[in-house]
Structure formats: structure tokens, C-alpha cells
Amino acid sequence: MIFVIDDDLVMAKCIADAAKKETRIFSNAIEAMHVLDEELPELIFLDILLTGPDGFTFLNEMVSYSDTAAIPIVVVSSLDFSGKNLSAYGVVGYLSKDTMTPAEIKGYADKYAK
């Protein structure tokens, strides 16, 4: 299972379609955090500029619990994170919303999700 957390529903659906795996879409971090109590995904695609608590708030929350700290996260954003090391937050990759391709999304999905 893959979680896609993005308040742009069109973008979230595009990511989910490109991943070609079972996905759940959340429009904000709070919705996703509530579901994490019941279900742990194998991978999360996370937008940073979310309505409500932003992606960094979500990342901080994720690393504060042992069961969620190990979930790999791919940051998907229009902000430039190239050259930034976010591995302490479980971030395994970065995709720019401006240039990402379906193949890149699928590559992460294939690597981290069954």
C-alpha cells in the first residue's frame, strides 16, 4: 500500500495512477496521521506545501514514532529540495512537480512497495 498526501487532488491522482500499485490518497496530513494508527503504508509520496499542517510537520511526526519512522517517504514538491539531505526524516527521494515523470514515480513504487 502507498499513501499519497497532496492537497491538489489532480496531482495526487496522477501520482497514484503512475505508481501502478494500491494507493490511498489524502488531501492533508491530519487525515493521513489518523489512518497511520490503523494501517502502515510501504511508501509515502508527500507534498510539502499542504493546507493545514505542512509536510515538514508530518515528517517530524513520522520520525517521533518507531513504527512510522521506518516508512520511506518521497517528497513531491514544487519547492527545490535538490541537494538537501532529508534522510533523517525517512526521505528516500525527491521529485519536482515541474519535471517528474510517471517512470520516476513508478520506479520508487516498484522499489519500496509490493
N, C-alpha and C. Protein backbone atom coordinates (compact mmCIF):
# COMPACT_ATOMS: atom_id res chain seq x y z
N MET A 1 0.84 -1.18 0.00
CA MET A 1 0.00 0.00 0.00
C MET A 1 0.88 1.24 0.00
N ILE A 2 0.48 2.22 -0.80
CA ILE A 2 1.18 3.50 -0.89
C ILE A 2 0.21 4.61 -0.48
N PHE A 3 0.70 5.55 0.31
CA PHE A 3 -0.08 6.74 0.64
C PHE A 3 0.43 7.89 -0.23
N VAL A 4 -0.51 8.65 -0.77
CA VAL A 4 -0.20 9.89 -1.48
C VAL A 4 -0.86 11.01 -0.69
N ILE A 5 -0.04 11.95 -0.21
CA ILE A 5 -0.56 13.05 0.59
C ILE A 5 -0.30 14.34 -0.19
N ASP A 6 -1.38 14.89 -0.74
CA ASP A 6 -1.28 16.10 -1.55
C ASP A 6 -2.65 16.77 -1.57
N ASP A 7 -2.68 18.08 -1.34
CA ASP A 7 -3.97 18.78 -1.35
C ASP A 7 -4.43 19.14 -2.76
N ASP A 8 -3.62 18.85 -3.76
CA ASP A 8 -4.02 19.01 -5.16
C ASP A 8 -4.50 17.63 -5.63
N LEU A 9 -5.81 17.44 -5.68
CA LEU A 9 -6.38 16.14 -5.98
C LEU A 9 -5.97 15.62 -7.35
N VAL A 10 -5.87 16.50 -8.34
CA VAL A 10 -5.46 16.07 -9.68
C VAL A 10 -4.04 15.52 -9.64
N MET A 11 -3.15 16.24 -8.96
CA MET A 11 -1.75 15.78 -8.84
C MET A 11 -1.70 14.46 -8.08
N ALA A 12 -2.46 14.36 -7.00
CA ALA A 12 -2.47 13.12 -6.21
C ALA A 12 -2.93 11.93 -7.04
N LYS A 13 -3.96 12.12 -7.85
CA LYS A 13 -4.45 11.04 -8.71
C LYS A 13 -3.42 10.66 -9.77
N CYS A 14 -2.72 11.64 -10.31
CA CYS A 14 -1.67 11.36 -11.30
C CYS A 14 -0.55 10.53 -10.67
N ILE A 15 -0.15 10.87 -9.45
CA ILE A 15 0.89 10.12 -8.76
C ILE A 15 0.41 8.70 -8.50
N ALA A 16 -0.81 8.57 -8.00
CA ALA A 16 -1.37 7.25 -7.71
C ALA A 16 -1.46 6.40 -8.98
N ASP A 17 -1.90 6.98 -10.08
CA ASP A 17 -2.00 6.25 -11.35
C ASP A 17 -0.63 5.81 -11.85
N ALA A 18 0.35 6.70 -11.74
CA ALA A 18 1.70 6.40 -12.22
C ALA A 18 2.38 5.33 -11.37
N ALA A 19 2.05 5.27 -10.09
CA ALA A 19 2.67 4.28 -9.20
C ALA A 19 2.27 2.86 -9.58
N LYS A 20 1.07 2.71 -10.13
CA LYS A 20 0.57 1.40 -10.56
C LYS A 20 0.57 0.37 -9.43
N LYS A 21 0.25 0.84 -8.24
CA LYS A 21 0.14 0.00 -7.05
C LYS A 21 -1.13 0.43 -6.30
N GLU A 22 -1.49 -0.36 -5.30
CA GLU A 22 -2.63 0.03 -4.47
C GLU A 22 -2.25 1.29 -3.69
N THR A 23 -3.09 2.32 -3.79
CA THR A 23 -2.79 3.59 -3.13
C THR A 23 -4.01 4.12 -2.39
N ARG A 24 -3.72 4.97 -1.41
CA ARG A 24 -4.75 5.75 -0.73
C ARG A 24 -4.32 7.20 -0.82
N ILE A 25 -5.27 8.06 -1.17
CA ILE A 25 -4.99 9.49 -1.33
C ILE A 25 -5.55 10.25 -0.13
N PHE A 26 -4.74 11.15 0.39
CA PHE A 26 -5.15 12.02 1.49
C PHE A 26 -4.90 13.47 1.08
N SER A 27 -5.84 14.34 1.39
CA SER A 27 -5.70 15.75 1.00
C SER A 27 -4.99 16.58 2.06
N ASN A 28 -4.72 15.98 3.23
CA ASN A 28 -3.97 16.70 4.25
C ASN A 28 -3.27 15.73 5.19
N ALA A 29 -2.34 16.26 5.95
CA ALA A 29 -1.52 15.43 6.84
C ALA A 29 -2.32 14.84 7.99
N ILE A 30 -3.31 15.56 8.47
CA ILE A 30 -4.09 15.08 9.62
C ILE A 30 -4.86 13.81 9.25
N GLU A 31 -5.49 13.80 8.08
CA GLU A 31 -6.20 12.59 7.63
C GLU A 31 -5.25 11.39 7.58
N ALA A 32 -4.08 11.60 7.02
CA ALA A 32 -3.11 10.51 6.89
C ALA A 32 -2.64 10.03 8.26
N MET A 33 -2.39 10.94 9.18
CA MET A 33 -1.92 10.56 10.51
C MET A 33 -2.97 9.71 11.24
N HIS A 34 -4.23 10.02 11.07
CA HIS A 34 -5.28 9.22 11.71
C HIS A 34 -5.29 7.79 11.18
N VAL A 35 -5.07 7.63 9.90
CA VAL A 35 -5.09 6.29 9.29
C VAL A 35 -3.84 5.51 9.68
N LEU A 36 -2.74 6.20 9.93
CA LEU A 36 -1.50 5.52 10.33
C LEU A 36 -1.66 4.74 11.63
N ASP A 37 -2.64 5.10 12.42
CA ASP A 37 -2.91 4.34 13.64
C ASP A 37 -3.43 2.94 13.33
N GLU A 38 -4.03 2.78 12.14
CA GLU A 38 -4.66 1.52 11.74
C GLU A 38 -3.89 0.77 10.65
N GLU A 39 -3.20 1.51 9.82
CA GLU A 39 -2.57 0.92 8.64
C GLU A 39 -1.26 1.62 8.33
N LEU A 40 -0.19 0.84 8.16
CA LEU A 40 1.10 1.41 7.81
C LEU A 40 1.39 1.15 6.34
N PRO A 41 1.65 2.20 5.57
CA PRO A 41 1.97 2.00 4.16
C PRO A 41 3.41 1.54 3.98
N GLU A 42 3.70 1.06 2.79
CA GLU A 42 5.08 0.67 2.46
C GLU A 42 5.88 1.87 1.96
N LEU A 43 5.17 2.90 1.48
CA LEU A 43 5.79 4.09 0.89
C LEU A 43 4.81 5.24 0.99
N ILE A 44 5.34 6.46 1.15
CA ILE A 44 4.51 7.66 1.14
C ILE A 44 5.09 8.66 0.14
N PHE A 45 4.23 9.16 -0.75
CA PHE A 45 4.56 10.31 -1.59
C PHE A 45 3.96 11.52 -0.88
N LEU A 46 4.78 12.50 -0.51
CA LEU A 46 4.36 13.60 0.35
C LEU A 46 4.64 14.96 -0.28
N ASP A 47 3.58 15.75 -0.44
CA ASP A 47 3.73 17.16 -0.81
C ASP A 47 4.14 17.93 0.44
N ILE A 48 4.91 18.97 0.28
CA ILE A 48 5.35 19.77 1.43
C ILE A 48 4.38 20.92 1.70
N LEU A 49 3.91 21.57 0.66
CA LEU A 49 3.02 22.72 0.84
C LEU A 49 1.58 22.25 0.90
N LEU A 50 1.17 21.80 2.08
CA LEU A 50 -0.18 21.29 2.29
C LEU A 50 -1.04 22.33 3.00
N THR A 51 -2.34 22.23 2.80
CA THR A 51 -3.28 23.02 3.57
C THR A 51 -3.30 22.46 4.99
N GLY A 52 -3.26 23.31 5.99
CA GLY A 52 -3.18 22.85 7.38
C GLY A 52 -1.73 22.56 7.72
N PRO A 53 -1.49 21.56 8.57
CA PRO A 53 -0.09 21.23 8.88
C PRO A 53 0.67 20.88 7.59
N ASP A 54 1.85 21.45 7.43
CA ASP A 54 2.60 21.22 6.19
C ASP A 54 3.35 19.89 6.24
N GLY A 55 4.03 19.60 5.14
CA GLY A 55 4.76 18.34 5.03
C GLY A 55 5.87 18.19 6.06
N PHE A 56 6.50 19.29 6.46
CA PHE A 56 7.55 19.19 7.47
C PHE A 56 6.98 18.81 8.83
N THR A 57 5.79 19.31 9.14
CA THR A 57 5.13 18.91 10.38
C THR A 57 4.85 17.40 10.35
N PHE A 58 4.39 16.92 9.19
CA PHE A 58 4.13 15.49 9.02
C PHE A 58 5.42 14.69 9.19
N LEU A 59 6.51 15.14 8.57
CA LEU A 59 7.79 14.44 8.68
C LEU A 59 8.26 14.37 10.14
N ASN A 60 8.14 15.47 10.86
CA ASN A 60 8.53 15.47 12.28
C ASN A 60 7.69 14.49 13.08
N GLU A 61 6.42 14.42 12.79
CA GLU A 61 5.55 13.48 13.49
C GLU A 61 5.93 12.04 13.16
N MET A 62 6.23 11.78 11.91
CA MET A 62 6.59 10.42 11.47
C MET A 62 7.82 9.89 12.20
N VAL A 63 8.85 10.71 12.34
CA VAL A 63 10.09 10.22 12.96
C VAL A 63 9.99 10.11 14.47
N SER A 64 8.92 10.62 15.05
CA SER A 64 8.80 10.57 16.50
C SER A 64 8.21 9.25 17.01
N TYR A 65 7.80 8.37 16.10
CA TYR A 65 7.26 7.06 16.49
C TYR A 65 8.04 5.96 15.79
N SER A 66 8.41 4.94 16.52
CA SER A 66 9.25 3.88 15.97
C SER A 66 8.57 3.13 14.82
N ASP A 67 7.26 2.94 14.88
CA ASP A 67 6.59 2.18 13.83
C ASP A 67 6.44 2.98 12.53
N THR A 68 6.43 4.28 12.59
CA THR A 68 6.31 5.08 11.37
C THR A 68 7.64 5.63 10.87
N ALA A 69 8.64 5.66 11.73
CA ALA A 69 9.94 6.24 11.36
C ALA A 69 10.61 5.48 10.23
N ALA A 70 10.30 4.20 10.08
CA ALA A 70 10.97 3.38 9.06
C ALA A 70 10.27 3.42 7.70
N ILE A 71 9.14 4.12 7.59
CA ILE A 71 8.42 4.17 6.31
C ILE A 71 9.16 5.12 5.37
N PRO A 72 9.54 4.63 4.18
CA PRO A 72 10.21 5.51 3.22
C PRO A 72 9.25 6.57 2.67
N ILE A 73 9.79 7.77 2.51
CA ILE A 73 8.99 8.90 2.03
C ILE A 73 9.68 9.54 0.84
N VAL A 74 8.89 9.81 -0.20
CA VAL A 74 9.37 10.56 -1.36
C VAL A 74 8.69 11.92 -1.31
N VAL A 75 9.46 12.98 -1.21
CA VAL A 75 8.93 14.33 -1.22
C VAL A 75 8.61 14.70 -2.66
N VAL A 76 7.38 15.17 -2.87
CA VAL A 76 6.93 15.61 -4.18
C VAL A 76 6.51 17.07 -4.01
N SER A 77 7.26 17.99 -4.61
CA SER A 77 7.01 19.40 -4.34
C SER A 77 7.42 20.29 -5.49
N SER A 78 6.85 21.47 -5.52
CA SER A 78 7.29 22.49 -6.47
C SER A 78 8.48 23.27 -5.90
N LEU A 79 8.76 23.08 -4.61
CA LEU A 79 9.94 23.68 -4.00
C LEU A 79 11.18 22.88 -4.40
N ASP A 80 12.32 23.53 -4.43
CA ASP A 80 13.56 22.87 -4.84
C ASP A 80 14.27 22.27 -3.62
N PHE A 81 14.26 20.94 -3.53
CA PHE A 81 14.95 20.25 -2.46
C PHE A 81 16.20 19.53 -2.95
N SER A 82 16.57 19.74 -4.20
CA SER A 82 17.78 19.09 -4.71
C SER A 82 18.98 19.56 -3.89
N GLY A 83 19.81 18.63 -3.54
CA GLY A 83 20.98 18.95 -2.74
C GLY A 83 20.71 19.00 -1.24
N LYS A 84 19.46 18.85 -0.84
CA LYS A 84 19.11 18.85 0.59
C LYS A 84 19.08 17.40 1.08
N ASN A 85 19.61 17.16 2.24
CA ASN A 85 19.61 15.82 2.83
C ASN A 85 18.51 15.74 3.88
N LEU A 86 17.43 15.08 3.52
CA LEU A 86 16.30 14.91 4.43
C LEU A 86 16.18 13.46 4.92
N SER A 87 17.25 12.71 4.80
CA SER A 87 17.22 11.28 5.15
C SER A 87 16.90 11.06 6.63
N ALA A 88 17.23 12.01 7.49
CA ALA A 88 16.91 11.86 8.91
C ALA A 88 15.40 11.80 9.14
N TYR A 89 14.63 12.25 8.16
CA TYR A 89 13.17 12.22 8.24
C TYR A 89 12.58 11.03 7.49
N GLY A 90 13.41 10.12 7.03
CA GLY A 90 12.92 8.98 6.28
C GLY A 90 12.74 9.25 4.81
N VAL A 91 13.20 10.40 4.35
CA VAL A 91 13.04 10.77 2.95
C VAL A 91 14.08 10.02 2.11
N VAL A 92 13.58 9.25 1.15
CA VAL A 92 14.46 8.45 0.29
C VAL A 92 14.61 9.05 -1.10
N GLY A 93 13.83 10.10 -1.38
CA GLY A 93 13.92 10.72 -2.69
C GLY A 93 13.11 11.99 -2.79
N TYR A 94 13.36 12.71 -3.86
CA TYR A 94 12.68 13.97 -4.12
C TYR A 94 12.25 14.00 -5.58
N LEU A 95 11.01 14.39 -5.82
CA LEU A 95 10.52 14.59 -7.18
C LEU A 95 9.98 16.00 -7.31
N SER A 96 10.43 16.70 -8.34
CA SER A 96 9.93 18.04 -8.61
C SER A 96 8.61 17.94 -9.37
N LYS A 97 7.58 18.61 -8.89
CA LYS A 97 6.30 18.59 -9.58
C LYS A 97 6.41 19.16 -10.99
N ASP A 98 7.41 19.98 -11.21
CA ASP A 98 7.59 20.62 -12.51
C ASP A 98 8.20 19.69 -13.55
N THR A 99 8.98 18.70 -13.10
CA THR A 99 9.72 17.88 -14.06
C THR A 99 9.58 16.38 -13.88
N MET A 100 8.88 15.92 -12.84
CA MET A 100 8.81 14.48 -12.59
C MET A 100 8.08 13.77 -13.73
N THR A 101 8.41 12.49 -13.87
CA THR A 101 7.80 11.68 -14.92
C THR A 101 7.09 10.48 -14.29
N PRO A 102 6.12 9.91 -14.99
CA PRO A 102 5.49 8.69 -14.48
C PRO A 102 6.50 7.57 -14.20
N ALA A 103 7.53 7.48 -15.01
CA ALA A 103 8.55 6.44 -14.82
C ALA A 103 9.28 6.62 -13.49
N GLU A 104 9.56 7.86 -13.10
CA GLU A 104 10.23 8.10 -11.82
C GLU A 104 9.33 7.70 -10.66
N ILE A 105 8.05 8.04 -10.74
CA ILE A 105 7.10 7.66 -9.70
C ILE A 105 7.02 6.15 -9.59
N LYS A 106 6.86 5.49 -10.73
CA LYS A 106 6.77 4.03 -10.75
C LYS A 106 8.05 3.40 -10.21
N GLY A 107 9.18 3.99 -10.50
CA GLY A 107 10.46 3.48 -10.01
C GLY A 107 10.50 3.43 -8.49
N TYR A 108 10.08 4.49 -7.84
CA TYR A 108 10.02 4.49 -6.38
C TYR A 108 9.01 3.48 -5.87
N ALA A 109 7.84 3.43 -6.53
CA ALA A 109 6.80 2.47 -6.12
C ALA A 109 7.29 1.05 -6.23
N ASP A 110 7.96 0.73 -7.32
CA ASP A 110 8.47 -0.63 -7.51
C ASP A 110 9.57 -0.98 -6.50
N LYS A 111 10.37 0.00 -6.15
CA LYS A 111 11.47 -0.25 -5.23
C LYS A 111 11.00 -0.47 -3.79
N TYR A 112 9.97 0.25 -3.37
CA TYR A 112 9.58 0.24 -1.96
C TYR A 112 8.25 -0.44 -1.64
N ALA A 113 7.39 -0.66 -2.63
CA ALA A 113 6.07 -1.25 -2.36
C ALA A 113 5.90 -2.53 -3.15
N LYS A 114 5.18 -3.47 -2.56
CA LYS A 114 4.95 -4.78 -3.22
C LYS A 114 4.00 -4.66 -4.38
